[in-house]
Amino acid sequence: MPLLQIQEPKPAKSRAIGIDLGTTHSLVALHHESEIKVLLDEFNEALLPSVVRYLPEKIEVGHAAKNAFTTDPQNTFMSIKRLIGKSQSQFHTVAGKVDAVQISAEILQALLKRARQLDENIHEAVITVPAYFDDAQRQATKAAAKLAGVKVLRLLNEPTAAALAYGLDKGTQGTCLVYDLGGGTFDVSLLQLSQGVFEVLATAGDTELGGDDIDDLIVNWVLERLPTSAVNKADLRLLARKAKEDLSIYPSTVIEFQGWQGELTLTAFNQLIHPLIERTLNICQRVLKDAAIAKEAIEHVVLVGGMTRALYLRQQVEAFFGQAPLTDLDPDKVVAIGAAIQASILSGDPTFKNALLLDVIPLSLGIEMMGGMAEKILMRNTPIPAQASQSFTTYQDNQTGLSLHVLQGERELAKDCQSLAHFELSGFPAMPAGKARIEVTFRIDCDGLLNVSAIEKLSGIESTIDIKATADLNDESIHHSIEDAIENAKYDLLARKLSEKLLEAEQLHQSIEKVLIQEGHLLTKDRQALVNAKLMLSKAMQSQVLNNITQAIKQVDVLVQEFATKHLNEVLAKTLVGKAIVDVEADFS
């Protein structure tokens, strides 16, 4: 009798898309029919304006929302990427309250809908973010994706995505610098490309520098010339953006606003944007210094982002690096193309099976120690994913818990670094100071998201924290973190040495105090010597002078050692009173 073979139908393999969630425009791309395609809307346009409008009965995303911005600014949102992860503010609209995460989710949902017209099984994506997005901004981006029904395979740094596009699409090899000036952020990354391996050597950027700031320069240029101060700034911003785009093609443009008319020439525009370009080149210089690579060693410079269409910017970049940048891939599309390549890699597409991406963390991560010192555990420019552990102990007797302060930054003192989070490790047994063994582990995943755990090894008590989007990080201080560390290196070293010596003096001070309390039978002379030593330490600590504290510690150490030796001899003498001392050699003769 023949057997009936029953086979479960295999589910359709889900493809993953690449999404460039931009400040001004957003795009979606997909590996389809042997090539990476940037998907188009019903009007054959690839760029989706990152604009969302809320109406009582529906939500508009893209061109329709952008066109309504001047007439309905209260319910229409542009450049929301600049707020994501930085503010918990809610905005009042006719459809109710919304926040930056919800607004971003609408943009992602519109892009997902565009992709599902090609393949309804799509639900996974690689989403790009600025390299200098902090942990809060990355977490908020993932939250927006979840709200939109998108499973995030990875958050990919925008410059790295661009390098992927050039490296695999164009066969580029060697050292590559990606200069990415978009609508809201600037990023620069230095990568080594070799046989499908993409290693990020260093990265830097400014999350408060982009095309929006150039729009503001044009707005201010117009306001300085207007006969009235009563203006509709929403209208003026759109005109400024159009003027900026015109000047990437024409030698001048005419701006007409509220009956006023003025000509903005390309020469005047170049003068306006020159300081911003200088800021970007200074950041490029910092990346070269971080990686210890000379300009001459860079084999390719890649321009990414709509602002890099400006001819003057290209000229300045070429002059700085001494070579013409690569511009043959559309600067608006190259990040989405790279994201789609990475999505294909992660989803097992055999076309890209030999590609490997090694990204890095932009700033060091660590914890605050006693004395206010910052102890770095994961160093900046460490390839991710990464994990590192370090052991610590308790400072006081009978301590059963401690508070851990997680930091980000390059300075030597905690007060000069960015505070990421606080969490508690408590409930371990009371022990003498220095007895507990506390291991702190930092783990950072492929998306740059951070987990910190602490465990007391003797008892097994453990605590852990995922750094969430509520972390209150200051982007301006992040941008200046490395420059501050370089400028203040000498001061920081002295400050750290002072903190270390103060901590050492305090521990010695507490030890003397403990002896004075516990050893009440001390002779007057010995007691007075210890009291004098304690006073010497107190005076030195109050002076806050490193040499004074160092000398006091040395002198007190001698006194304490003399006292300890004398005290030990007295104890031994009392113990041996009336006891016979056996001559071991005689016993065996």
Protein backbone atom coordinates (compact mmCIF):
# COMPACT_ATOMS: atom_id res chain seq x y z
CA MET A 1 0.00 0.00 0.00
CA PRO A 2 1.64 3.29 -1.06
CA LEU A 3 2.26 5.96 1.55
CA LEU A 4 0.86 9.43 1.11
CA GLN A 5 3.63 11.99 1.59
CA ILE A 6 2.38 15.17 3.23
CA GLN A 7 4.69 18.18 3.05
CA GLU A 8 4.18 21.45 4.92
CA PRO A 9 4.15 24.40 2.52
CA LYS A 10 7.32 26.47 2.96
CA PRO A 11 6.64 30.06 3.96
CA ALA A 12 7.71 32.67 1.44
CA LYS A 13 11.16 33.97 2.32
CA SER A 14 10.93 37.50 3.65
CA ARG A 15 13.27 39.99 2.08
CA ALA A 16 14.75 42.85 4.04
CA ILE A 17 14.81 46.48 2.94
CA GLY A 18 17.20 49.33 3.57
CA ILE A 19 15.74 52.58 4.91
CA ASP A 20 17.44 55.97 4.97
CA LEU A 21 15.38 57.83 7.57
CA GLY A 22 16.51 61.36 6.79
CA THR A 23 15.93 64.80 8.24
CA THR A 24 14.71 66.31 4.96
CA HIS A 25 13.95 63.27 2.80
CA SER A 26 13.68 59.52 3.39
CA LEU A 27 14.17 56.61 1.00
CA VAL A 28 13.74 52.85 0.83
CA ALA A 29 15.81 50.43 -1.27
CA LEU A 30 15.74 46.70 -1.95
CA HIS A 31 17.87 44.04 -3.64
CA HIS A 32 15.60 43.05 -6.55
CA GLU A 33 16.33 41.24 -9.81
CA SER A 34 20.11 41.17 -9.23
CA GLU A 35 20.48 44.84 -8.39
CA ILE A 36 19.84 47.30 -5.59
CA LYS A 37 16.82 49.41 -6.47
CA VAL A 38 15.71 52.60 -4.77
CA LEU A 39 11.92 52.24 -4.75
CA LEU A 40 9.71 54.92 -6.28
CA ASP A 41 6.28 56.26 -5.36
CA GLU A 42 3.28 56.55 -7.67
CA PHE A 43 4.76 59.74 -9.14
CA ASN A 44 8.08 57.97 -9.92
CA GLU A 45 9.87 59.90 -7.16
CA ALA A 46 12.43 58.22 -4.91
CA LEU A 47 12.66 60.96 -2.27
CA LEU A 48 9.87 60.98 0.30
CA PRO A 49 9.82 64.36 2.09
CA SER A 50 10.19 63.64 5.82
CA VAL A 51 7.09 65.67 6.57
CA VAL A 52 3.95 64.49 8.40
CA ARG A 53 0.59 66.27 8.67
CA TYR A 54 -2.17 65.26 11.10
CA LEU A 55 -5.80 65.77 10.07
CA PRO A 56 -8.97 64.78 11.99
CA GLU A 57 -9.65 61.79 9.72
CA LYS A 58 -6.27 60.90 8.20
CA ILE A 59 -2.49 61.38 8.28
CA GLU A 60 -0.56 62.74 5.30
CA VAL A 61 3.11 61.86 4.75
CA GLY A 62 5.43 63.25 2.10
CA HIS A 63 4.64 65.72 -0.65
CA ALA A 64 1.04 66.41 0.38
CA ALA A 65 2.15 67.21 3.93
CA LYS A 66 5.03 69.38 2.71
CA ASN A 67 2.70 71.39 0.47
CA ALA A 68 0.44 72.09 3.46
CA PHE A 69 3.24 73.19 5.79
CA THR A 70 2.79 76.92 5.24
CA THR A 71 -1.00 76.84 5.60
CA ASP A 72 -1.19 74.39 8.52
CA PRO A 73 2.12 74.54 10.45
CA GLN A 74 0.54 73.58 13.79
CA ASN A 75 -0.41 70.11 12.50
CA THR A 76 2.56 69.63 10.13
CA PHE A 77 6.04 68.50 11.19
CA MET A 78 9.35 68.83 9.35
CA SER A 79 12.93 67.87 10.39
CA ILE A 80 11.58 65.76 13.27
CA LYS A 81 14.79 63.67 13.19
CA ARG A 82 16.50 66.48 15.08
CA LEU A 83 14.20 65.88 18.06
CA ILE A 84 14.01 62.10 18.17
CA GLY A 85 15.52 60.71 21.36
CA LYS A 86 16.31 64.19 22.68
CA SER A 87 12.93 65.37 23.85
CA GLN A 88 9.92 63.71 25.43
CA SER A 89 7.79 66.69 24.38
CA GLN A 90 4.34 66.06 22.96
CA PHE A 91 2.81 68.24 20.27
CA HIS A 92 -0.89 69.15 20.16
CA THR A 93 -2.62 68.47 16.83
CA VAL A 94 -6.22 68.19 15.66
CA ALA A 95 -5.76 64.40 15.86
CA GLY A 96 -4.49 64.51 19.45
CA LYS A 97 -1.05 64.56 21.06
CA VAL A 98 1.94 63.15 19.17
CA ASP A 99 5.68 62.97 19.80
CA ALA A 100 8.86 62.60 17.71
CA VAL A 101 8.76 58.79 17.86
CA GLN A 102 5.17 58.66 16.55
CA ILE A 103 5.91 61.15 13.78
CA SER A 104 8.98 59.17 12.70
CA ALA A 105 6.90 55.99 12.75
CA GLU A 106 4.51 57.52 10.20
CA ILE A 107 7.43 58.13 7.82
CA LEU A 108 8.71 54.58 8.29
CA GLN A 109 5.22 53.18 7.73
CA ALA A 110 4.92 55.10 4.44
CA LEU A 111 8.25 53.65 3.26
CA LEU A 112 7.22 50.13 4.33
CA LYS A 113 3.97 50.51 2.39
CA ARG A 114 5.99 51.49 -0.69
CA ALA A 115 8.14 48.35 -0.36
CA ARG A 116 5.16 46.07 0.23
CA GLN A 117 3.73 47.04 -3.13
CA LEU A 118 6.65 45.05 -4.53
CA ASP A 119 6.65 42.24 -1.94
CA GLU A 120 3.89 41.96 0.68
CA ASN A 121 6.06 39.69 2.89
CA ILE A 122 8.53 42.46 3.74
CA HIS A 123 8.70 43.36 7.43
CA GLU A 124 12.44 43.52 8.22
CA ALA A 125 14.77 46.45 7.62
CA VAL A 126 18.17 47.97 8.18
CA ILE A 127 17.65 51.61 9.17
CA THR A 128 20.44 54.15 8.93
CA VAL A 129 21.26 56.70 11.63
CA PRO A 130 23.96 59.37 11.95
CA ALA A 131 27.22 57.91 13.27
CA TYR A 132 27.06 60.36 16.17
CA PHE A 133 23.51 59.49 17.20
CA ASP A 134 23.71 58.74 20.92
CA ASP A 135 22.11 55.76 22.63
CA ALA A 136 18.88 57.62 23.39
CA GLN A 137 18.43 58.61 19.75
CA ARG A 138 19.13 55.05 18.56
CA GLN A 139 16.66 53.58 21.04
CA ALA A 140 14.01 56.09 19.96
CA THR A 141 14.59 55.18 16.30
CA LYS A 142 14.04 51.50 17.13
CA ALA A 143 10.89 52.42 19.06
CA ALA A 144 9.58 54.29 15.99
CA ALA A 145 10.28 51.25 13.80
CA LYS A 146 8.44 48.94 16.19
CA LEU A 147 5.46 51.31 16.18
CA ALA A 148 5.50 51.24 12.36
CA GLY A 149 5.54 47.43 12.26
CA VAL A 150 9.16 47.22 11.08
CA LYS A 151 11.54 44.66 12.62
CA VAL A 152 14.97 46.28 12.82
CA LEU A 153 17.77 43.94 11.76
CA ARG A 154 20.35 46.61 12.50
CA LEU A 155 20.81 50.32 12.92
CA LEU A 156 23.59 51.22 10.50
CA ASN A 157 25.69 54.38 10.61
CA GLU A 158 25.02 56.51 7.55
CA PRO A 159 28.67 56.98 6.45
CA THR A 160 29.24 53.24 6.77
CA ALA A 161 26.20 52.59 4.59
CA ALA A 162 27.63 54.93 1.96
CA ALA A 163 30.98 53.11 2.06
CA LEU A 164 29.16 49.81 1.59
CA ALA A 165 27.44 51.22 -1.49
CA TYR A 166 30.68 52.43 -3.04
CA GLY A 167 32.75 49.46 -1.94
CA LEU A 168 30.47 46.75 -3.28
CA ASP A 169 28.75 48.63 -6.09
CA LYS A 170 31.92 50.23 -7.44
CA GLY A 171 34.54 47.75 -6.30
CA THR A 172 36.36 50.41 -4.26
CA GLN A 173 39.28 49.17 -2.14
CA GLY A 174 41.65 50.83 0.33
CA THR A 175 41.21 53.67 2.82
CA CYS A 176 37.97 55.56 2.29
CA LEU A 177 36.70 58.72 4.01
CA VAL A 178 32.96 59.34 3.91
CA TYR A 179 31.87 62.98 4.24
CA ASP A 180 28.12 63.03 4.95
CA LEU A 181 26.33 66.37 5.21
CA GLY A 182 22.60 65.79 5.28
CA GLY A 183 19.57 67.85 6.18
CA GLY A 184 20.09 67.77 9.93
CA THR A 185 23.42 66.16 10.77
CA PHE A 186 27.04 65.92 9.70
CA ASP A 187 29.07 62.72 9.96
CA VAL A 188 32.51 61.68 8.82
CA SER A 189 33.90 58.15 8.97
CA LEU A 190 37.21 56.66 7.95
CA LEU A 191 37.02 53.08 6.72
CA GLN A 192 39.38 50.41 5.45
CA LEU A 193 37.86 48.44 2.57
CA SER A 194 39.48 45.17 1.57
CA GLN A 195 37.99 42.18 -0.23
CA GLY A 196 34.48 42.70 1.13
CA VAL A 197 35.59 43.57 4.68
CA PHE A 198 34.58 47.06 5.81
CA GLU A 199 36.37 48.15 8.97
CA VAL A 200 35.53 51.53 10.50
CA LEU A 201 38.78 53.04 11.79
CA ALA A 202 37.36 56.23 13.30
CA THR A 203 34.23 58.34 13.25
CA ALA A 204 33.11 61.81 14.35
CA GLY A 205 30.34 64.27 13.64
CA ASP A 206 27.93 66.95 14.73
CA THR A 207 24.24 66.18 15.22
CA GLU A 208 23.43 69.90 15.10
CA LEU A 209 24.91 70.73 11.70
CA GLY A 210 23.18 70.19 8.36
CA GLY A 211 21.10 71.60 5.55
CA ASP A 212 18.57 73.01 8.03
CA ASP A 213 21.28 75.30 9.40
CA ILE A 214 22.04 76.54 5.90
CA ASP A 215 18.32 77.25 5.43
CA ASP A 216 18.51 79.32 8.63
CA LEU A 217 21.42 81.34 7.18
CA ILE A 218 19.32 82.21 4.13
CA VAL A 219 16.30 83.04 6.32
CA ASN A 220 18.45 85.43 8.36
CA TRP A 221 19.90 86.93 5.16
CA VAL A 222 16.35 87.74 4.00
CA LEU A 223 15.22 89.03 7.42
CA GLU A 224 18.13 91.48 7.51
CA ARG A 225 16.82 93.03 4.27
CA LEU A 226 13.06 92.94 4.88
CA PRO A 227 11.38 96.28 5.68
CA THR A 228 9.14 94.57 8.26
CA SER A 229 9.71 92.08 11.08
CA ALA A 230 6.18 90.59 10.87
CA VAL A 231 6.80 87.50 8.75
CA ASN A 232 5.47 83.99 8.27
CA LYS A 233 8.65 82.03 9.00
CA ALA A 234 7.16 78.76 7.75
CA ASP A 235 6.75 80.29 4.29
CA LEU A 236 10.21 81.83 4.47
CA ARG A 237 11.89 78.55 5.40
CA LEU A 238 10.42 76.82 2.35
CA LEU A 239 11.61 79.67 0.14
CA ALA A 240 15.08 79.44 1.71
CA ARG A 241 15.22 75.70 1.01
CA LYS A 242 14.20 76.26 -2.60
CA ALA A 243 16.82 79.00 -3.00
CA LYS A 244 19.50 76.65 -1.63
CA GLU A 245 18.49 73.96 -4.14
CA ASP A 246 18.44 76.48 -7.02
CA LEU A 247 21.97 77.62 -6.19
CA SER A 248 23.29 74.08 -6.69
CA ILE A 249 22.35 74.59 -10.37
CA TYR A 250 22.25 78.34 -11.15
CA PRO A 251 24.63 81.26 -10.45
CA SER A 252 21.89 83.21 -8.66
CA THR A 253 18.29 83.01 -7.49
CA VAL A 254 15.57 85.56 -6.82
CA ILE A 255 13.65 85.32 -3.54
CA GLU A 256 10.22 86.95 -3.48
CA PHE A 257 8.54 87.30 -0.10
CA GLN A 258 5.63 89.48 1.08
CA GLY A 259 6.12 91.98 -1.73
CA TRP A 260 9.89 92.12 -1.21
CA GLN A 261 12.28 90.83 -3.85
CA GLY A 262 16.01 90.15 -3.52
CA GLU A 263 18.69 88.39 -5.52
CA LEU A 264 20.96 85.93 -3.71
CA THR A 265 24.05 85.26 -5.78
CA LEU A 266 26.15 82.14 -5.62
CA THR A 267 29.10 84.22 -4.40
CA ALA A 268 27.07 85.60 -1.48
CA PHE A 269 25.71 82.13 -0.71
CA ASN A 270 29.23 80.69 -0.64
CA GLN A 271 30.28 83.37 1.86
CA LEU A 272 27.29 82.46 4.05
CA ILE A 273 28.08 78.76 4.17
CA HIS A 274 31.89 79.03 4.40
CA PRO A 275 32.01 78.93 8.28
CA LEU A 276 29.85 75.78 8.33
CA ILE A 277 32.09 74.08 5.77
CA GLU A 278 35.10 75.01 7.92
CA ARG A 279 33.42 73.30 10.88
CA THR A 280 33.00 70.09 8.88
CA LEU A 281 36.63 70.13 7.74
CA ASN A 282 37.83 70.59 11.32
CA ILE A 283 35.89 67.45 12.23
CA CYS A 284 37.52 65.64 9.30
CA GLN A 285 40.93 66.68 10.66
CA ARG A 286 40.02 65.21 14.04
CA VAL A 287 39.11 61.85 12.50
CA LEU A 288 42.44 61.71 10.68
CA LYS A 289 44.23 62.42 13.94
CA ASP A 290 42.24 59.74 15.78
CA ALA A 291 43.17 57.12 13.19
CA ALA A 292 46.79 58.42 12.87
CA ILE A 293 46.38 58.61 9.10
CA ALA A 294 47.65 61.42 6.87
CA LYS A 295 45.42 63.02 4.22
CA GLU A 296 47.75 61.67 1.55
CA ALA A 297 47.05 58.08 2.66
CA ILE A 298 43.32 58.38 1.88
CA GLU A 299 42.56 56.73 -1.44
CA HIS A 300 38.91 57.74 -1.80
CA VAL A 301 36.75 60.59 -0.49
CA VAL A 302 33.01 59.94 -0.80
CA LEU A 303 30.41 62.72 -0.62
CA VAL A 304 27.00 61.87 0.81
CA GLY A 305 23.90 63.99 1.51
CA GLY A 306 21.99 66.59 -0.45
CA MET A 307 24.16 69.48 0.76
CA THR A 308 27.20 68.00 -0.96
CA ARG A 309 25.67 69.01 -4.29
CA ALA A 310 26.90 72.55 -3.59
CA LEU A 311 29.83 73.22 -5.94
CA TYR A 312 31.66 75.42 -3.41
CA LEU A 313 31.51 72.66 -0.81
CA ARG A 314 32.96 70.17 -3.28
CA GLN A 315 35.76 72.59 -4.13
CA GLN A 316 36.62 73.10 -0.46
CA VAL A 317 36.63 69.35 0.24
CA GLU A 318 38.84 68.75 -2.81
CA ALA A 319 41.27 71.47 -1.68
CA PHE A 320 41.42 70.03 1.85
CA PHE A 321 42.10 66.43 0.80
CA GLY A 322 44.06 67.15 -2.36
CA GLN A 323 41.85 64.94 -4.52
CA ALA A 324 38.52 65.10 -6.29
CA PRO A 325 35.79 63.36 -4.22
CA LEU A 326 33.71 60.53 -5.63
CA THR A 327 30.28 61.78 -6.67
CA ASP A 328 29.15 59.30 -9.33
CA LEU A 329 26.54 57.71 -7.04
CA ASP A 330 23.58 59.96 -6.25
CA PRO A 331 24.42 61.55 -2.86
CA ASP A 332 20.74 61.43 -1.90
CA LYS A 333 20.44 57.70 -2.64
CA VAL A 334 23.80 56.23 -1.68
CA VAL A 335 22.92 55.72 2.02
CA ALA A 336 19.70 53.86 1.17
CA ILE A 337 21.64 51.70 -1.30
CA GLY A 338 24.18 50.81 1.39
CA ALA A 339 21.39 50.04 3.87
CA ALA A 340 19.79 47.69 1.33
CA ILE A 341 23.13 45.92 0.83
CA GLN A 342 23.49 45.43 4.58
CA ALA A 343 19.87 44.22 4.78
CA SER A 344 20.65 41.66 2.08
CA ILE A 345 23.78 40.52 3.97
CA LEU A 346 21.85 40.04 7.21
CA SER A 347 18.95 38.24 5.53
CA GLY A 348 21.32 35.70 3.95
CA ASP A 349 21.24 36.91 0.36
CA PRO A 350 24.01 34.87 -1.38
CA THR A 351 24.90 37.83 -3.60
CA PHE A 352 26.65 39.50 -0.66
CA LYS A 353 27.74 36.43 1.33
CA ASN A 354 31.40 37.49 1.41
CA ALA A 355 30.80 41.00 2.81
CA LEU A 356 31.66 41.77 6.43
CA LEU A 357 31.05 45.04 8.26
CA LEU A 358 33.05 46.09 11.33
CA ASP A 359 31.72 49.31 12.89
CA VAL A 360 33.01 51.20 15.96
CA ILE A 361 31.72 53.12 18.99
CA PRO A 362 32.29 56.89 18.72
CA LEU A 363 32.97 57.75 22.40
CA SER A 364 34.44 55.87 25.36
CA LEU A 365 32.10 54.30 27.93
CA GLY A 366 32.78 53.71 31.62
CA ILE A 367 31.73 54.38 35.21
CA GLU A 368 32.38 56.93 37.95
CA MET A 369 34.77 55.82 40.70
CA MET A 370 35.28 57.09 44.24
CA GLY A 371 36.82 60.53 44.14
CA GLY A 372 34.81 61.52 41.05
CA MET A 373 37.17 59.86 38.58
CA ALA A 374 35.95 58.41 35.26
CA GLU A 375 37.14 54.86 34.62
CA LYS A 376 36.85 53.92 30.92
CA ILE A 377 35.84 50.32 30.25
CA LEU A 378 35.05 50.40 26.50
CA MET A 379 37.36 52.75 24.59
CA ARG A 380 36.18 54.86 21.66
CA ASN A 381 36.76 53.45 18.18
CA THR A 382 36.42 49.89 19.58
CA PRO A 383 34.85 47.67 16.86
CA ILE A 384 31.27 46.63 17.66
CA PRO A 385 29.67 44.42 18.81
CA ALA A 386 31.95 44.61 21.84
CA GLN A 387 32.16 43.51 25.46
CA ALA A 388 34.59 44.45 28.23
CA SER A 389 34.70 43.82 31.99
CA GLN A 390 36.58 45.33 34.90
CA SER A 391 36.70 44.40 38.60
CA PHE A 392 36.16 46.82 41.49
CA THR A 393 35.71 46.56 45.25
CA THR A 394 33.99 48.37 48.12
CA TYR A 395 35.34 51.47 49.83
CA GLN A 396 33.82 51.16 53.32
CA ASP A 397 33.43 48.40 55.89
CA ASN A 398 30.08 46.55 55.98
CA GLN A 399 28.96 48.02 52.66
CA THR A 400 26.01 46.01 51.25
CA GLY A 401 25.38 47.97 48.07
CA LEU A 402 26.61 50.69 45.77
CA SER A 403 25.34 53.08 43.11
CA LEU A 404 26.84 52.76 39.63
CA HIS A 405 27.03 55.86 37.43
CA VAL A 406 27.45 55.07 33.70
CA LEU A 407 29.39 57.66 31.70
CA GLN A 408 30.25 58.50 28.10
CA GLY A 409 33.18 60.70 27.12
CA GLU A 410 36.92 61.20 27.03
CA ARG A 411 37.60 63.35 30.10
CA GLU A 412 39.30 62.03 33.25
CA LEU A 413 36.69 63.29 35.75
CA ALA A 414 33.07 62.16 35.82
CA LYS A 415 31.74 65.72 36.04
CA ASP A 416 33.23 66.47 32.62
CA CYS A 417 31.67 63.41 30.91
CA GLN A 418 28.10 62.76 29.73
CA SER A 419 25.91 60.99 32.27
CA LEU A 420 24.05 58.05 30.68
CA ALA A 421 22.37 56.32 33.63
CA HIS A 422 22.46 55.39 37.32
CA PHE A 423 21.58 51.96 38.72
CA GLU A 424 21.98 50.12 42.02
CA LEU A 425 23.71 46.90 43.02
CA SER A 426 22.47 46.00 46.50
CA GLY A 427 21.86 43.09 48.84
CA PHE A 428 25.29 41.49 48.94
CA PRO A 429 26.64 40.45 52.38
CA ALA A 430 28.38 42.98 54.61
CA MET A 431 32.16 42.62 54.33
CA PRO A 432 35.27 44.55 55.29
CA ALA A 433 36.32 47.26 52.83
CA GLY A 434 38.15 45.76 49.85
CA LYS A 435 36.76 42.26 50.37
CA ALA A 436 33.88 42.38 47.86
CA ARG A 437 34.66 41.56 44.22
CA ILE A 438 32.38 43.49 41.88
CA GLU A 439 32.68 42.81 38.15
CA VAL A 440 31.20 45.47 35.86
CA THR A 441 30.55 44.44 32.24
CA PHE A 442 29.73 46.71 29.31
CA ARG A 443 28.10 45.11 26.25
CA ILE A 444 27.32 47.06 23.09
CA ASP A 445 25.49 45.41 20.21
CA CYS A 446 25.63 45.86 16.44
CA ASP A 447 23.16 48.75 16.68
CA GLY A 448 25.36 50.60 19.16
CA LEU A 449 22.88 49.95 22.01
CA LEU A 450 24.36 49.54 25.47
CA ASN A 451 23.82 47.06 28.30
CA VAL A 452 25.70 47.39 31.61
CA SER A 453 25.73 44.71 34.31
CA ALA A 454 27.39 44.42 37.73
CA ILE A 455 27.82 41.25 39.81
CA GLU A 456 29.31 40.71 43.27
CA LYS A 457 31.30 37.54 42.59
CA LEU A 458 31.36 36.09 46.14
CA SER A 459 27.58 36.24 46.65
CA GLY A 460 26.37 36.13 43.04
CA ILE A 461 24.15 39.21 43.53
CA GLU A 462 23.67 40.88 40.13
CA SER A 463 22.08 44.00 38.64
CA THR A 464 21.77 45.10 35.03
CA ILE A 465 20.50 48.03 32.96
CA ASP A 466 19.75 48.71 29.30
CA ILE A 467 20.38 52.35 28.53
CA LYS A 468 16.98 53.58 27.40
CA ALA A 469 15.79 56.54 25.39
CA THR A 470 15.18 58.51 28.58
CA ALA A 471 18.92 59.14 28.91
CA ASP A 472 19.39 62.91 28.97
CA LEU A 473 22.39 63.40 26.70
CA ASN A 474 23.63 66.76 25.50
CA ASP A 475 24.53 66.59 21.80
CA GLU A 476 26.58 69.76 21.97
CA SER A 477 28.77 68.31 24.73
CA ILE A 478 29.08 65.04 22.78
CA HIS A 479 30.27 66.98 19.75
CA HIS A 480 32.94 68.77 21.81
CA SER A 481 33.92 65.77 23.94
CA ILE A 482 37.06 64.84 22.07
CA GLU A 483 38.23 68.44 21.57
CA ASP A 484 37.73 69.07 25.28
CA ALA A 485 39.74 65.98 26.17
CA ILE A 486 42.62 67.11 23.93
CA GLU A 487 42.56 70.74 25.08
CA ASN A 488 42.33 69.81 28.77
CA ALA A 489 44.61 66.75 28.74
CA LYS A 490 47.25 68.33 30.99
CA TYR A 491 44.69 69.74 33.43
CA ASP A 492 42.76 66.43 33.48
CA LEU A 493 45.90 64.44 34.28
CA LEU A 494 46.70 66.70 37.24
CA ALA A 495 43.06 66.65 38.39
CA ARG A 496 42.98 62.85 38.27
CA LYS A 497 46.26 62.58 40.20
CA LEU A 498 44.86 64.97 42.81
CA SER A 499 41.66 62.91 43.11
CA GLU A 500 43.65 59.69 43.47
CA LYS A 501 45.89 61.17 46.21
CA LEU A 502 42.88 62.68 48.02
CA LEU A 503 41.24 59.24 47.99
CA GLU A 504 44.45 57.61 49.27
CA ALA A 505 44.76 60.23 52.02
CA GLU A 506 41.12 59.78 53.01
CA GLN A 507 41.54 56.00 53.30
CA LEU A 508 44.66 56.49 55.47
CA HIS A 509 42.79 59.06 57.57
CA GLN A 510 39.93 56.58 58.15
CA SER A 511 42.38 53.81 59.08
CA ILE A 512 43.98 56.01 61.78
CA GLU A 513 40.55 56.98 63.08
CA LYS A 514 39.60 53.30 63.31
CA VAL A 515 42.76 52.49 65.29
CA LEU A 516 42.16 55.39 67.70
CA ILE A 517 38.63 54.15 68.38
CA GLN A 518 39.47 50.44 68.71
CA GLU A 519 42.76 50.72 70.61
CA GLY A 520 41.70 52.69 73.68
CA HIS A 521 44.58 51.36 75.78
CA LEU A 522 47.24 53.10 73.68
CA LEU A 523 49.94 54.97 75.55
CA THR A 524 49.59 58.74 75.53
CA LYS A 525 52.71 59.16 73.38
CA ASP A 526 51.50 56.71 70.70
CA ARG A 527 47.99 58.16 70.69
CA GLN A 528 49.34 61.69 70.29
CA ALA A 529 51.55 60.58 67.36
CA LEU A 530 48.50 59.16 65.55
CA VAL A 531 46.38 62.25 66.32
CA ASN A 532 49.17 64.42 64.89
CA ALA A 533 49.33 62.23 61.78
CA LYS A 534 45.56 62.55 61.32
CA LEU A 535 45.77 66.35 61.64
CA MET A 536 48.62 66.44 59.14
CA LEU A 537 46.50 64.55 56.60
CA SER A 538 43.44 66.76 57.21
CA LYS A 539 45.47 69.92 56.68
CA ALA A 540 47.04 68.58 53.50
CA MET A 541 43.65 67.49 52.09
CA GLN A 542 42.17 70.91 52.84
CA SER A 543 44.98 72.58 50.90
CA GLN A 544 43.97 70.70 47.69
CA VAL A 545 47.65 70.89 46.66
CA LEU A 546 48.99 67.67 45.13
CA ASN A 547 52.54 68.00 46.50
CA ASN A 548 51.30 68.75 50.03
CA ILE A 549 49.06 65.66 50.03
CA THR A 550 51.76 63.42 48.54
CA GLN A 551 54.30 64.51 51.17
CA ALA A 552 51.81 64.12 54.02
CA ILE A 553 50.96 60.57 52.88
CA LYS A 554 54.67 59.65 52.85
CA GLN A 555 55.29 61.06 56.33
CA VAL A 556 52.17 59.51 57.83
CA ASP A 557 52.99 56.15 56.20
CA VAL A 558 56.32 56.13 58.07
CA LEU A 559 54.60 56.95 61.39
CA VAL A 560 51.92 54.29 60.83
CA GLN A 561 54.51 51.65 59.92
CA GLU A 562 56.55 52.46 63.05
CA PHE A 563 53.41 52.26 65.20
CA ALA A 564 52.30 48.98 63.58
CA THR A 565 55.73 47.38 64.18
CA LYS A 566 55.85 48.53 67.80
CA HIS A 567 52.27 47.45 68.43
CA LEU A 568 52.89 44.01 66.91
CA ASN A 569 56.01 43.51 69.06
CA GLU A 570 54.02 44.43 72.19
CA VAL A 571 51.31 41.92 71.33
CA LEU A 572 53.85 39.16 70.67
CA ALA A 573 55.69 39.92 73.94
CA LYS A 574 52.46 39.65 75.94
CA THR A 575 51.53 36.44 74.18
CA LEU A 576 54.88 34.79 74.95
CA VAL A 577 55.00 35.67 78.67
CA GLY A 578 55.47 32.44 80.71
CA LYS A 579 55.83 30.32 77.55
CA ALA A 580 58.91 28.11 76.91
CA ILE A 581 60.74 28.56 73.62
CA VAL A 582 61.70 25.23 72.08
CA ASP A 583 65.11 24.92 70.46
CA VAL A 584 64.18 23.02 67.36
CA GLU A 585 67.75 22.24 66.30
CA ALA A 586 68.65 20.89 69.76
CA ASP A 587 65.59 18.67 69.76
CA PHE A 588 66.76 16.89 66.63
CA SER A 589 70.47 16.66 67.52
